[in-house]
């Protein structure tokens, strides 16, 4: 028994030092961050996940980060991740939950996912979006995407989306450089995008007088209502100006589909089925949003398992056909503003 435990500890120690086994590219390929990024994440959450004692081969913070990152990056069964690190599946489960909880604490989210409200930052975002296809006044592009989850045991039917699989419907707002500015990850897959928007904090932000300047707006597809602060395409453009508006709108709004593609490419757990209850799945989705923005800040590329960089992937969201499904009729309070933008800028 003692000899076997010693062998297990030797394997455990050998497998718990990826820093010495892989170079920067190898680390990014497997964990989506290089050593600097992994250590940075460890510093952010060390107060929450650091073991209280070194007894019983307790797992240090950076290793816990890598175990969670490996799960986020691959979406593999936790049993497989446990085999990779020489630890039990239940330990992997606890670590993933602990790291996800640490990354989704309010002060961490507020640090890395921020919607612009000051005049200087708003102007910068509008300038960046205008440079894409000359669409004026854009603060962000909005879209929804479905993240597949294990069939829940409670309210199962609410999580069946229109494509007939169980999911969480996630709303994202992004900037012109594929950073996530706002995310809502709590609604069952059957929930319509328009309802998620209506009950979201971003809607309250735009509709509260004085918080966001006038002539600032988001771009959304026709699954959203047309409002003074969210502009949608014309369903049946009748003039050359309306067609130019639609063309510029489409090219500019594509940035959100590109962001979703990069986000899911970086963290394959979002592509596969998250085999956890909805509450824990939502926490992982939020953690991956924080990590995506951190990777952007650190200029960390996306590298596939075959070693090819995919930072410029244009892979879209799961709702690319949303313009043709479940469209919301134009709302009168947004038509006049949309017509004004069309007549004066296109």
C-alpha atoms as a PDB file:
ATOM      1  CA  UNK A   1       0.000   0.000   0.000  1.00  0.00           C
ATOM      2  CA  UNK A   2       2.754   2.451   0.937  1.00  0.00           C
ATOM      3  CA  UNK A   3       4.694   1.682  -2.268  1.00  0.00           C
ATOM      4  CA  UNK A   4       1.597   2.273  -4.397  1.00  0.00           C
ATOM      5  CA  UNK A   5       0.898   5.604  -2.696  1.00  0.00           C
ATOM      6  CA  UNK A   6       4.469   6.687  -3.327  1.00  0.00           C
ATOM      7  CA  UNK A   7       4.145   5.805  -7.025  1.00  0.00           C
ATOM      8  CA  UNK A   8       0.866   7.723  -7.244  1.00  0.00           C
ATOM      9  CA  UNK A   9       2.473  10.754  -5.623  1.00  0.00           C
ATOM     10  CA  UNK A  10       5.387  10.632  -8.070  1.00  0.00           C
ATOM     11  CA  UNK A  11       2.959  10.555 -11.009  1.00  0.00           C
ATOM     12  CA  UNK A  12       0.895  13.300  -9.380  1.00  0.00           C
ATOM     13  CA  UNK A  13       3.912  15.540  -8.937  1.00  0.00           C
ATOM     14  CA  UNK A  14       5.206  14.867 -12.450  1.00  0.00           C
ATOM     15  CA  UNK A  15       1.873  15.651 -14.068  1.00  0.00           C
ATOM     16  CA  UNK A  16       1.303  18.738 -11.968  1.00  0.00           C
ATOM     17  CA  UNK A  17       4.093  20.741 -13.602  1.00  0.00           C
ATOM     18  CA  UNK A  18       2.935  21.630 -17.138  1.00  0.00           C
ATOM     19  CA  UNK A  19       5.153  24.746 -17.003  1.00  0.00           C
ATOM     20  CA  UNK A  20       8.200  22.527 -17.432  1.00  0.00           C
ATOM     21  CA  UNK A  21       6.600  20.207 -19.991  1.00  0.00           C
ATOM     22  CA  UNK A  22       5.308  22.784 -22.501  1.00  0.00           C
ATOM     23  CA  UNK A  23       6.552  25.959 -24.104  1.00  0.00           C
ATOM     24  CA  UNK A  24       4.331  29.038 -24.572  1.00  0.00           C
ATOM     25  CA  UNK A  25       2.598  27.641 -27.668  1.00  0.00           C
ATOM     26  CA  UNK A  26       2.034  24.298 -25.955  1.00  0.00           C
ATOM     27  CA  UNK A  27       0.473  26.016 -22.950  1.00  0.00           C
ATOM     28  CA  UNK A  28      -1.800  28.202 -25.081  1.00  0.00           C
ATOM     29  CA  UNK A  29      -2.860  25.202 -27.157  1.00  0.00           C
ATOM     30  CA  UNK A  30      -3.834  23.214 -24.066  1.00  0.00           C
ATOM     31  CA  UNK A  31      -4.906  25.892 -21.582  1.00  0.00           C
ATOM     32  CA  UNK A  32      -5.634  28.940 -23.790  1.00  0.00           C
ATOM     33  CA  UNK A  33      -3.099  31.033 -21.853  1.00  0.00           C
ATOM     34  CA  UNK A  34       0.670  31.107 -21.609  1.00  0.00           C
ATOM     35  CA  UNK A  35       2.506  31.054 -18.286  1.00  0.00           C
ATOM     36  CA  UNK A  36       2.074  34.776 -17.771  1.00  0.00           C
ATOM     37  CA  UNK A  37      -1.669  34.515 -18.324  1.00  0.00           C
ATOM     38  CA  UNK A  38      -2.072  31.484 -16.079  1.00  0.00           C
ATOM     39  CA  UNK A  39      -0.145  33.150 -13.282  1.00  0.00           C
ATOM     40  CA  UNK A  40      -2.182  36.334 -13.761  1.00  0.00           C
ATOM     41  CA  UNK A  41      -5.423  34.379 -13.341  1.00  0.00           C
ATOM     42  CA  UNK A  42      -3.928  32.676 -10.293  1.00  0.00           C
ATOM     43  CA  UNK A  43      -3.183  36.072  -8.754  1.00  0.00           C
ATOM     44  CA  UNK A  44      -6.754  37.220  -9.392  1.00  0.00           C
ATOM     45  CA  UNK A  45      -8.367  34.298  -7.586  1.00  0.00           C
ATOM     46  CA  UNK A  46      -5.660  33.164  -5.164  1.00  0.00           C
ATOM     47  CA  UNK A  47      -7.513  34.584  -2.154  1.00  0.00           C
ATOM     48  CA  UNK A  48     -10.505  32.370  -3.007  1.00  0.00           C
ATOM     49  CA  UNK A  49      -8.949  29.084  -4.164  1.00  0.00           C
ATOM     50  CA  UNK A  50      -5.569  28.902  -2.420  1.00  0.00           C
ATOM     51  CA  UNK A  51      -5.359  25.802  -0.190  1.00  0.00           C
ATOM     52  CA  UNK A  52      -5.316  26.587   3.513  1.00  0.00           C
ATOM     53  CA  UNK A  53      -2.646  23.964   4.126  1.00  0.00           C
ATOM     54  CA  UNK A  54      -0.006  22.059   2.178  1.00  0.00           C
ATOM     55  CA  UNK A  55      -0.923  18.764   3.824  1.00  0.00           C
ATOM     56  CA  UNK A  56      -2.299  15.792   1.852  1.00  0.00           C
ATOM     57  CA  UNK A  57      -0.775  16.962  -1.429  1.00  0.00           C
ATOM     58  CA  UNK A  58      -3.050  20.017  -1.630  1.00  0.00           C
ATOM     59  CA  UNK A  59      -3.235  21.474  -5.116  1.00  0.00           C
ATOM     60  CA  UNK A  60      -1.658  24.933  -5.548  1.00  0.00           C
ATOM     61  CA  UNK A  61      -3.553  27.817  -7.109  1.00  0.00           C
ATOM     62  CA  UNK A  62      -1.852  27.828 -10.523  1.00  0.00           C
ATOM     63  CA  UNK A  63      -2.490  24.134 -10.957  1.00  0.00           C
ATOM     64  CA  UNK A  64      -6.150  24.568 -10.041  1.00  0.00           C
ATOM     65  CA  UNK A  65      -6.313  27.289 -12.685  1.00  0.00           C
ATOM     66  CA  UNK A  66      -4.830  24.955 -15.304  1.00  0.00           C
ATOM     67  CA  UNK A  67      -7.198  22.120 -14.401  1.00  0.00           C
ATOM     68  CA  UNK A  68     -10.179  24.448 -14.861  1.00  0.00           C
ATOM     69  CA  UNK A  69      -8.732  25.982 -18.033  1.00  0.00           C
ATOM     70  CA  UNK A  70      -8.188  22.536 -19.533  1.00  0.00           C
ATOM     71  CA  UNK A  71     -11.855  21.751 -18.943  1.00  0.00           C
ATOM     72  CA  UNK A  72     -12.967  25.085 -20.425  1.00  0.00           C
ATOM     73  CA  UNK A  73     -10.650  24.659 -23.420  1.00  0.00           C
ATOM     74  CA  UNK A  74     -11.689  21.121 -24.312  1.00  0.00           C
ATOM     75  CA  UNK A  75     -15.102  20.428 -22.811  1.00  0.00           C
ATOM     76  CA  UNK A  76     -13.884  16.878 -22.125  1.00  0.00           C
ATOM     77  CA  UNK A  77     -15.439  14.758 -19.429  1.00  0.00           C
ATOM     78  CA  UNK A  78     -14.006  15.631 -16.050  1.00  0.00           C
ATOM     79  CA  UNK A  79     -12.905  12.031 -15.647  1.00  0.00           C
ATOM     80  CA  UNK A  80     -10.561  12.506 -18.637  1.00  0.00           C
ATOM     81  CA  UNK A  81      -9.201  15.724 -17.180  1.00  0.00           C
ATOM     82  CA  UNK A  82      -8.614  13.921 -13.908  1.00  0.00           C
ATOM     83  CA  UNK A  83      -6.622  11.252 -15.745  1.00  0.00           C
ATOM     84  CA  UNK A  84      -4.539  13.956 -17.437  1.00  0.00           C
ATOM     85  CA  UNK A  85      -3.527  15.411 -14.078  1.00  0.00           C
ATOM     86  CA  UNK A  86      -3.437  12.240 -12.046  1.00  0.00           C
ATOM     87  CA  UNK A  87      -6.285  13.280  -9.757  1.00  0.00           C
ATOM     88  CA  UNK A  88      -9.778  11.981  -9.082  1.00  0.00           C
ATOM     89  CA  UNK A  89     -12.758  13.157 -11.110  1.00  0.00           C
ATOM     90  CA  UNK A  90     -14.481  14.491  -7.997  1.00  0.00           C
ATOM     91  CA  UNK A  91     -11.451  16.692  -7.328  1.00  0.00           C
ATOM     92  CA  UNK A  92     -11.631  18.066 -10.870  1.00  0.00           C
ATOM     93  CA  UNK A  93     -15.327  18.814 -10.343  1.00  0.00           C
ATOM     94  CA  UNK A  94     -14.663  20.724  -7.126  1.00  0.00           C
ATOM     95  CA  UNK A  95     -11.804  22.665  -8.699  1.00  0.00           C
ATOM     96  CA  UNK A  96     -13.846  23.660 -11.766  1.00  0.00           C
ATOM     97  CA  UNK A  97     -16.663  24.843  -9.527  1.00  0.00           C
ATOM     98  CA  UNK A  98     -14.271  26.709  -7.231  1.00  0.00           C
ATOM     99  CA  UNK A  99     -12.418  28.466 -10.063  1.00  0.00           C
ATOM    100  CA  UNK A 100     -15.665  29.329 -11.878  1.00  0.00           C
ATOM    101  CA  UNK A 101     -17.104  30.820  -8.710  1.00  0.00           C
ATOM    102  CA  UNK A 102     -13.921  32.810  -8.096  1.00  0.00           C
ATOM    103  CA  UNK A 103     -13.903  34.233 -11.633  1.00  0.00           C
ATOM    104  CA  UNK A 104     -17.559  35.262 -11.458  1.00  0.00           C
ATOM    105  CA  UNK A 105     -17.390  37.234  -8.254  1.00  0.00           C
ATOM    106  CA  UNK A 106     -18.870  40.726  -8.821  1.00  0.00           C
ATOM    107  CA  UNK A 107     -15.595  42.642  -8.515  1.00  0.00           C
ATOM    108  CA  UNK A 108     -13.924  40.371 -11.093  1.00  0.00           C
ATOM    109  CA  UNK A 109     -16.812  40.675 -13.566  1.00  0.00           C
ATOM    110  CA  UNK A 110     -16.948  44.453 -13.122  1.00  0.00           C
ATOM    111  CA  UNK A 111     -13.227  44.653 -13.766  1.00  0.00           C
ATOM    112  CA  UNK A 112     -13.242  42.751 -17.061  1.00  0.00           C
ATOM    113  CA  UNK A 113     -16.765  43.161 -18.474  1.00  0.00           C
ATOM    114  CA  UNK A 114     -17.691  46.840 -18.572  1.00  0.00           C
ATOM    115  CA  UNK A 115     -20.168  48.736 -20.732  1.00  0.00           C
ATOM    116  CA  UNK A 116     -18.946  52.257 -21.584  1.00  0.00           C
ATOM    117  CA  UNK A 117     -20.707  55.147 -19.844  1.00  0.00           C
ATOM    118  CA  UNK A 118     -18.148  57.972 -19.816  1.00  0.00           C
ATOM    119  CA  UNK A 119     -18.031  60.373 -22.767  1.00  0.00           C
ATOM    120  CA  UNK A 120     -14.447  59.643 -23.809  1.00  0.00           C
ATOM    121  CA  UNK A 121     -14.902  55.863 -23.937  1.00  0.00           C
ATOM    122  CA  UNK A 122     -18.262  56.195 -25.690  1.00  0.00           C
ATOM    123  CA  UNK A 123     -16.703  58.376 -28.382  1.00  0.00           C
ATOM    124  CA  UNK A 124     -13.885  55.868 -28.870  1.00  0.00           C
ATOM    125  CA  UNK A 125     -16.327  52.991 -29.319  1.00  0.00           C
ATOM    126  CA  UNK A 126     -18.401  54.973 -31.799  1.00  0.00           C
ATOM    127  CA  UNK A 127     -15.279  55.877 -33.780  1.00  0.00           C
ATOM    128  CA  UNK A 128     -14.135  52.242 -33.860  1.00  0.00           C
ATOM    129  CA  UNK A 129     -17.510  51.020 -35.114  1.00  0.00           C
ATOM    130  CA  UNK A 130     -17.808  53.837 -37.661  1.00  0.00           C
ATOM    131  CA  UNK A 131     -14.488  52.738 -39.161  1.00  0.00           C
ATOM    132  CA  UNK A 132     -15.967  49.319 -40.046  1.00  0.00           C
ATOM    133  CA  UNK A 133     -18.719  50.416 -42.468  1.00  0.00           C
ATOM    134  CA  UNK A 134     -19.494  54.085 -41.729  1.00  0.00           C
ATOM    135  CA  UNK A 135     -22.449  53.370 -39.440  1.00  0.00           C
ATOM    136  CA  UNK A 136     -22.788  56.303 -37.001  1.00  0.00           C
ATOM    137  CA  UNK A 137     -23.390  56.299 -33.264  1.00  0.00           C
ATOM    138  CA  UNK A 138     -22.823  52.607 -32.553  1.00  0.00           C
ATOM    139  CA  UNK A 139     -21.816  51.688 -28.994  1.00  0.00           C
ATOM    140  CA  UNK A 140     -22.066  47.931 -29.388  1.00  0.00           C
ATOM    141  CA  UNK A 141     -23.447  45.013 -31.373  1.00  0.00           C
ATOM    142  CA  UNK A 142     -25.887  42.642 -29.685  1.00  0.00           C
ATOM    143  CA  UNK A 143     -26.856  39.042 -30.363  1.00  0.00           C
ATOM    144  CA  UNK A 144     -27.886  35.839 -28.635  1.00  0.00           C
ATOM    145  CA  UNK A 145     -26.296  32.418 -28.804  1.00  0.00           C
ATOM    146  CA  UNK A 146     -27.293  29.053 -27.383  1.00  0.00           C
ATOM    147  CA  UNK A 147     -24.950  27.015 -25.213  1.00  0.00           C
ATOM    148  CA  UNK A 148     -25.962  23.369 -25.057  1.00  0.00           C
ATOM    149  CA  UNK A 149     -26.444  21.864 -21.590  1.00  0.00           C
ATOM    150  CA  UNK A 150     -27.310  18.492 -20.108  1.00  0.00           C
ATOM    151  CA  UNK A 151     -31.026  17.827 -19.899  1.00  0.00           C
ATOM    152  CA  UNK A 152     -32.120  19.444 -16.597  1.00  0.00           C
ATOM    153  CA  UNK A 153     -34.188  17.580 -14.044  1.00  0.00           C
ATOM    154  CA  UNK A 154     -36.219  20.680 -13.112  1.00  0.00           C
ATOM    155  CA  UNK A 155     -38.321  22.668 -15.628  1.00  0.00           C
ATOM    156  CA  UNK A 156     -36.802  20.592 -18.407  1.00  0.00           C
ATOM    157  CA  UNK A 157     -39.195  21.808 -21.112  1.00  0.00           C
ATOM    158  CA  UNK A 158     -38.191  25.459 -20.596  1.00  0.00           C
ATOM    159  CA  UNK A 159     -34.640  24.693 -21.706  1.00  0.00           C
ATOM    160  CA  UNK A 160     -35.634  23.177 -25.068  1.00  0.00           C
ATOM    161  CA  UNK A 161     -34.856  25.790 -27.726  1.00  0.00           C
ATOM    162  CA  UNK A 162     -36.308  26.188 -31.212  1.00  0.00           C
ATOM    163  CA  UNK A 163     -33.650  23.826 -32.585  1.00  0.00           C
ATOM    164  CA  UNK A 164     -34.958  21.187 -30.189  1.00  0.00           C
ATOM    165  CA  UNK A 165     -31.988  20.782 -27.841  1.00  0.00           C
ATOM    166  CA  UNK A 166     -31.475  21.870 -24.248  1.00  0.00           C
ATOM    167  CA  UNK A 167     -29.600  25.120 -23.855  1.00  0.00           C
ATOM    168  CA  UNK A 168     -29.024  28.389 -22.088  1.00  0.00           C
ATOM    169  CA  UNK A 169     -29.810  31.412 -24.268  1.00  0.00           C
ATOM    170  CA  UNK A 170     -26.937  33.867 -23.776  1.00  0.00           C
ATOM    171  CA  UNK A 171     -27.143  37.547 -24.704  1.00  0.00           C
ATOM    172  CA  UNK A 172     -23.905  39.362 -25.529  1.00  0.00           C
ATOM    173  CA  UNK A 173     -23.008  42.939 -26.393  1.00  0.00           C
ATOM    174  CA  UNK A 174     -19.549  43.396 -27.920  1.00  0.00           C
ATOM    175  CA  UNK A 175     -17.302  46.213 -29.085  1.00  0.00           C
ATOM    176  CA  UNK A 176     -15.557  46.663 -32.431  1.00  0.00           C
ATOM    177  CA  UNK A 177     -12.539  44.667 -31.255  1.00  0.00           C
ATOM    178  CA  UNK A 178     -14.432  41.540 -30.125  1.00  0.00           C
ATOM    179  CA  UNK A 179     -14.383  42.381 -26.413  1.00  0.00           C
ATOM    180  CA  UNK A 180     -17.514  41.425 -24.482  1.00  0.00           C
ATOM    181  CA  UNK A 181     -19.107  44.563 -23.014  1.00  0.00           C
ATOM    182  CA  UNK A 182     -22.138  42.924 -21.435  1.00  0.00           C
ATOM    183  CA  UNK A 183     -23.414  39.391 -21.004  1.00  0.00           C
ATOM    184  CA  UNK A 184     -26.599  37.813 -19.658  1.00  0.00           C
ATOM    185  CA  UNK A 185     -26.321  34.073 -19.060  1.00  0.00           C
ATOM    186  CA  UNK A 186     -29.291  32.872 -17.032  1.00  0.00           C
ATOM    187  CA  UNK A 187     -32.241  32.325 -19.356  1.00  0.00           C
ATOM    188  CA  UNK A 188     -33.557  28.915 -20.545  1.00  0.00           C
ATOM    189  CA  UNK A 189     -33.166  28.125 -24.227  1.00  0.00           C
ATOM    190  CA  UNK A 190     -36.859  28.630 -25.022  1.00  0.00           C
ATOM    191  CA  UNK A 191     -36.710  32.304 -23.999  1.00  0.00           C
ATOM    192  CA  UNK A 192     -36.928  34.749 -26.900  1.00  0.00           C
ATOM    193  CA  UNK A 193     -34.076  37.207 -27.444  1.00  0.00           C
ATOM    194  CA  UNK A 194     -36.478  40.154 -27.184  1.00  0.00           C
ATOM    195  CA  UNK A 195     -37.576  39.151 -23.684  1.00  0.00           C
ATOM    196  CA  UNK A 196     -33.994  38.702 -22.493  1.00  0.00           C
ATOM    197  CA  UNK A 197     -33.209  42.182 -23.786  1.00  0.00           C
ATOM    198  CA  UNK A 198     -36.328  43.720 -22.234  1.00  0.00           C
ATOM    199  CA  UNK A 199     -35.462  42.419 -18.764  1.00  0.00           C
ATOM    200  CA  UNK A 200     -31.711  42.975 -18.959  1.00  0.00           C
ATOM    201  CA  UNK A 201     -29.575  45.591 -17.272  1.00  0.00           C
ATOM    202  CA  UNK A 202     -28.481  46.974 -20.652  1.00  0.00           C
ATOM    203  CA  UNK A 203     -32.104  47.863 -21.427  1.00  0.00           C
ATOM    204  CA  UNK A 204     -32.447  49.694 -18.108  1.00  0.00           C
ATOM    205  CA  UNK A 205     -29.168  51.476 -18.733  1.00  0.00           C
ATOM    206  CA  UNK A 206     -30.301  52.917 -22.064  1.00  0.00           C
ATOM    207  CA  UNK A 207     -33.794  53.784 -20.854  1.00  0.00           C
ATOM    208  CA  UNK A 208     -32.692  55.601 -17.705  1.00  0.00           C
ATOM    209  CA  UNK A 209     -32.392  59.303 -18.571  1.00  0.00           C
ATOM    210  CA  UNK A 210     -28.916  60.778 -18.306  1.00  0.00           C
ATOM    211  CA  UNK A 211     -26.882  57.562 -18.197  1.00  0.00           C
ATOM    212  CA  UNK A 212     -26.221  57.172 -21.935  1.00  0.00           C
ATOM    213  CA  UNK A 213     -26.082  60.209 -24.269  1.00  0.00           C
ATOM    214  CA  UNK A 214     -28.657  60.573 -27.035  1.00  0.00           C
ATOM    215  CA  UNK A 215     -27.770  59.344 -30.541  1.00  0.00           C
ATOM    216  CA  UNK A 216     -26.006  56.317 -29.076  1.00  0.00           C
ATOM    217  CA  UNK A 217     -27.338  52.900 -29.979  1.00  0.00           C
ATOM    218  CA  UNK A 218     -26.725  49.185 -30.349  1.00  0.00           C
ATOM    219  CA  UNK A 219     -27.101  47.195 -33.546  1.00  0.00           C
ATOM    220  CA  UNK A 220     -29.231  44.067 -33.412  1.00  0.00           C
ATOM    221  CA  UNK A 221     -30.771  41.664 -35.916  1.00  0.00           C
ATOM    222  CA  UNK A 222     -34.480  41.538 -36.677  1.00  0.00           C
ATOM    223  CA  UNK A 223     -35.060  39.273 -33.683  1.00  0.00           C
ATOM    224  CA  UNK A 224     -34.989  42.460 -31.605  1.00  0.00           C
ATOM    225  CA  UNK A 225     -37.479  45.351 -31.526  1.00  0.00           C
ATOM    226  CA  UNK A 226     -36.407  48.553 -33.260  1.00  0.00           C
ATOM    227  CA  UNK A 227     -35.971  51.275 -30.643  1.00  0.00           C
ATOM    228  CA  UNK A 228     -34.245  54.616 -30.281  1.00  0.00           C
ATOM    229  CA  UNK A 229     -31.312  52.816 -28.683  1.00  0.00           C
ATOM    230  CA  UNK A 230     -31.254  49.580 -30.685  1.00  0.00           C
ATOM    231  CA  UNK A 231     -31.414  49.691 -34.470  1.00  0.00           C
ATOM    232  CA  UNK A 232     -32.495  46.720 -36.562  1.00  0.00           C
ATOM    233  CA  UNK A 233     -32.433  46.240 -40.352  1.00  0.00           C
ATOM    234  CA  UNK A 234     -35.330  47.078 -42.647  1.00  0.00           C
ATOM    235  CA  UNK A 235     -37.241  43.879 -43.300  1.00  0.00           C
ATOM    236  CA  UNK A 236     -38.258  45.052 -46.786  1.00  0.00           C
ATOM    237  CA  UNK A 237     -35.957  47.881 -47.896  1.00  0.00           C
ATOM    238  CA  UNK A 238     -37.721  50.006 -50.493  1.00  0.00           C
ATOM    239  CA  UNK A 239     -35.161  52.685 -51.316  1.00  0.00           C
ATOM    240  CA  UNK A 240     -31.497  52.826 -52.184  1.00  0.00           C
ATOM    241  CA  UNK A 241     -30.817  54.557 -48.864  1.00  0.00           C
ATOM    242  CA  UNK A 242     -32.534  51.777 -46.944  1.00  0.00           C
ATOM    243  CA  UNK A 243     -30.508  49.191 -48.833  1.00  0.00           C
ATOM    244  CA  UNK A 244     -27.276  51.063 -48.033  1.00  0.00           C
ATOM    245  CA  UNK A 245     -28.387  51.249 -44.405  1.00  0.00           C
ATOM    246  CA  UNK A 246     -28.986  47.493 -44.346  1.00  0.00           C
ATOM    247  CA  UNK A 247     -25.630  46.778 -45.974  1.00  0.00           C
ATOM    248  CA  UNK A 248     -23.712  48.904 -43.479  1.00  0.00           C
ATOM    249  CA  UNK A 249     -25.760  47.481 -40.612  1.00  0.00           C
ATOM    250  CA  UNK A 250     -25.000  43.899 -41.635  1.00  0.00           C
ATOM    251  CA  UNK A 251     -21.256  44.433 -42.056  1.00  0.00           C
ATOM    252  CA  UNK A 252     -20.987  46.299 -38.758  1.00  0.00           C
ATOM    253  CA  UNK A 253     -23.112  43.867 -36.765  1.00  0.00           C
ATOM    254  CA  UNK A 254     -21.091  40.888 -38.017  1.00  0.00           C
ATOM    255  CA  UNK A 255     -18.563  41.735 -35.312  1.00  0.00           C
ATOM    256  CA  UNK A 256     -20.809  40.122 -32.691  1.00  0.00           C
ATOM    257  CA  UNK A 257     -21.013  36.881 -34.680  1.00  0.00           C
ATOM    258  CA  UNK A 258     -17.262  36.941 -35.069  1.00  0.00           C
ATOM    259  CA  UNK A 259     -16.834  37.461 -31.322  1.00  0.00           C
ATOM    260  CA  UNK A 260     -19.119  34.540 -30.500  1.00  0.00           C
ATOM    261  CA  UNK A 261     -17.140  32.399 -32.923  1.00  0.00           C
ATOM    262  CA  UNK A 262     -13.841  33.334 -31.279  1.00  0.00           C
ATOM    263  CA  UNK A 263     -15.283  32.875 -27.791  1.00  0.00           C
ATOM    264  CA  UNK A 264     -16.545  29.376 -28.503  1.00  0.00           C
ATOM    265  CA  UNK A 265     -13.403  28.505 -30.437  1.00  0.00           C
ATOM    266  CA  UNK A 266     -11.261  29.508 -27.484  1.00  0.00           C
ATOM    267  CA  UNK A 267     -13.397  27.587 -24.983  1.00  0.00           C
ATOM    268  CA  UNK A 268     -14.752  24.421 -26.568  1.00  0.00           C
ATOM    269  CA  UNK A 269     -16.859  23.670 -23.498  1.00  0.00           C
ATOM    270  CA  UNK A 270     -19.249  26.262 -24.987  1.00  0.00           C
ATOM    271  CA  UNK A 271     -19.414  24.284 -28.247  1.00  0.00           C
ATOM    272  CA  UNK A 272     -20.059  20.938 -26.640  1.00  0.00           C
ATOM    273  CA  UNK A 273     -22.636  20.000 -24.022  1.00  0.00           C
ATOM    274  CA  UNK A 274     -21.985  21.353 -20.534  1.00  0.00           C
ATOM    275  CA  UNK A 275     -22.885  18.330 -18.456  1.00  0.00           C
ATOM    276  CA  UNK A 276     -23.870  20.251 -15.346  1.00  0.00           C
ATOM    277  CA  UNK A 277     -27.047  21.695 -13.863  1.00  0.00           C
ATOM    278  CA  UNK A 278     -28.155  25.025 -15.418  1.00  0.00           C
ATOM    279  CA  UNK A 279     -26.916  27.127 -12.479  1.00  0.00           C
ATOM    280  CA  UNK A 280     -23.379  25.742 -12.669  1.00  0.00           C
ATOM    281  CA  UNK A 281     -23.410  25.837 -16.460  1.00  0.00           C
ATOM    282  CA  UNK A 282     -24.290  29.548 -16.366  1.00  0.00           C
ATOM    283  CA  UNK A 283     -21.396  30.175 -14.001  1.00  0.00           C
ATOM    284  CA  UNK A 284     -19.005  28.479 -16.431  1.00  0.00           C
ATOM    285  CA  UNK A 285     -20.387  30.575 -19.310  1.00  0.00           C
ATOM    286  CA  UNK A 286     -19.762  33.746 -17.307  1.00  0.00           C
ATOM    287  CA  UNK A 287     -16.270  32.599 -16.310  1.00  0.00           C
ATOM    288  CA  UNK A 288     -15.414  31.974 -19.969  1.00  0.00           C
ATOM    289  CA  UNK A 289     -16.600  35.492 -20.837  1.00  0.00           C
ATOM    290  CA  UNK A 290     -14.251  36.967 -18.225  1.00  0.00           C
ATOM    291  CA  UNK A 291     -11.399  34.806 -19.510  1.00  0.00           C
ATOM    292  CA  UNK A 292     -12.110  35.775 -23.127  1.00  0.00           C
ATOM    293  CA  UNK A 293     -11.730  39.462 -22.318  1.00  0.00           C
ATOM    294  CA  UNK A 294      -8.612  38.775 -20.269  1.00  0.00           C
ATOM    295  CA  UNK A 295      -7.111  36.859 -23.196  1.00  0.00           C
ATOM    296  CA  UNK A 296      -7.878  39.822 -25.436  1.00  0.00           C
ATOM    297  CA  UNK A 297      -6.194  42.231 -23.021  1.00  0.00           C
ATOM    298  CA  UNK A 298      -3.120  39.997 -22.905  1.00  0.00           C
ATOM    299  CA  UNK A 299      -3.118  39.602 -26.719  1.00  0.00           C
ATOM    300  CA  UNK A 300      -3.257  35.830 -26.360  1.00  0.00           C
ATOM    301  CA  UNK A 301      -4.016  34.169 -29.714  1.00  0.00           C
ATOM    302  CA  UNK A 302      -6.403  31.288 -30.239  1.00  0.00           C
ATOM    303  CA  UNK A 303      -4.423  28.195 -31.185  1.00  0.00           C
ATOM    304  CA  UNK A 304      -6.159  24.981 -32.208  1.00  0.00           C
ATOM    305  CA  UNK A 305      -4.963  21.566 -31.125  1.00  0.00           C
ATOM    306  CA  UNK A 306      -3.301  21.206 -34.523  1.00  0.00           C
ATOM    307  CA  UNK A 307      -1.243  24.308 -33.802  1.00  0.00           C
ATOM    308  CA  UNK A 308      -2.940  26.707 -36.209  1.00  0.00           C
ATOM    309  CA  UNK A 309      -3.889  30.174 -35.031  1.00  0.00           C
ATOM    310  CA  UNK A 310      -7.560  31.028 -35.459  1.00  0.00           C
ATOM    311  CA  UNK A 311      -7.700  34.536 -34.060  1.00  0.00           C
ATOM    312  CA  UNK A 312      -9.454  35.831 -37.177  1.00  0.00           C
ATOM    313  CA  UNK A 313     -12.137  33.167 -37.320  1.00  0.00           C
ATOM    314  CA  UNK A 314     -15.423  34.473 -38.688  1.00  0.00           C
ATOM    315  CA  UNK A 315     -17.385  31.581 -37.276  1.00  0.00           C
ATOM    316  CA  UNK A 316     -20.833  32.874 -36.441  1.00  0.00           C
ATOM    317  CA  UNK A 317     -23.227  32.191 -33.632  1.00  0.00           C
ATOM    318  CA  UNK A 318     -25.843  29.480 -33.496  1.00  0.00           C
ATOM    319  CA  UNK A 319     -28.476  31.993 -34.539  1.00  0.00           C
ATOM    320  CA  UNK A 320     -27.196  33.126 -37.925  1.00  0.00           C
ATOM    321  CA  UNK A 321     -30.647  32.521 -39.384  1.00  0.00           C
ATOM    322  CA  UNK A 322     -32.362  34.624 -36.731  1.00  0.00           C
ATOM    323  CA  UNK A 323     -33.202  37.310 -39.304  1.00  0.00           C
ATOM    324  CA  UNK A 324     -35.567  34.836 -40.919  1.00  0.00           C
ATOM    325  CA  UNK A 325     -37.054  33.289 -37.774  1.00  0.00           C
ATOM    326  CA  UNK A 326     -39.209  34.647 -34.964  1.00  0.00           C
ATOM    327  CA  UNK A 327     -38.770  38.235 -36.172  1.00  0.00           C
ATOM    328  CA  UNK A 328     -40.138  40.969 -33.909  1.00  0.00           C
ATOM    329  CA  UNK A 329     -42.247  43.604 -35.702  1.00  0.00           C
ATOM    330  CA  UNK A 330     -40.783  47.085 -35.975  1.00  0.00           C
ATOM    331  CA  UNK A 331     -41.584  49.206 -32.941  1.00  0.00           C
ATOM    332  CA  UNK A 332     -42.933  52.651 -33.732  1.00  0.00           C
ATOM    333  CA  UNK A 333     -40.701  54.383 -31.170  1.00  0.00           C
ATOM    334  CA  UNK A 334     -37.639  53.269 -33.108  1.00  0.00           C
ATOM    335  CA  UNK A 335     -38.798  53.721 -36.692  1.00  0.00           C
ATOM    336  CA  UNK A 336     -38.560  57.506 -36.712  1.00  0.00           C
ATOM    337  CA  UNK A 337     -35.031  57.410 -35.322  1.00  0.00           C
ATOM    338  CA  UNK A 338     -34.005  54.713 -37.795  1.00  0.00           C
ATOM    339  CA  UNK A 339     -35.490  56.753 -40.651  1.00  0.00           C
ATOM    340  CA  UNK A 340     -33.585  59.803 -39.438  1.00  0.00           C
ATOM    341  CA  UNK A 341     -30.303  57.864 -39.428  1.00  0.00           C
ATOM    342  CA  UNK A 342     -31.076  56.465 -42.889  1.00  0.00           C
ATOM    343  CA  UNK A 343     -31.973  59.808 -44.463  1.00  0.00           C
ATOM    344  CA  UNK A 344     -29.065  61.745 -42.993  1.00  0.00           C
ATOM    345  CA  UNK A 345     -26.232  59.211 -43.221  1.00  0.00           C
ATOM    346  CA  UNK A 346     -27.019  56.819 -46.074  1.00  0.00           C
END
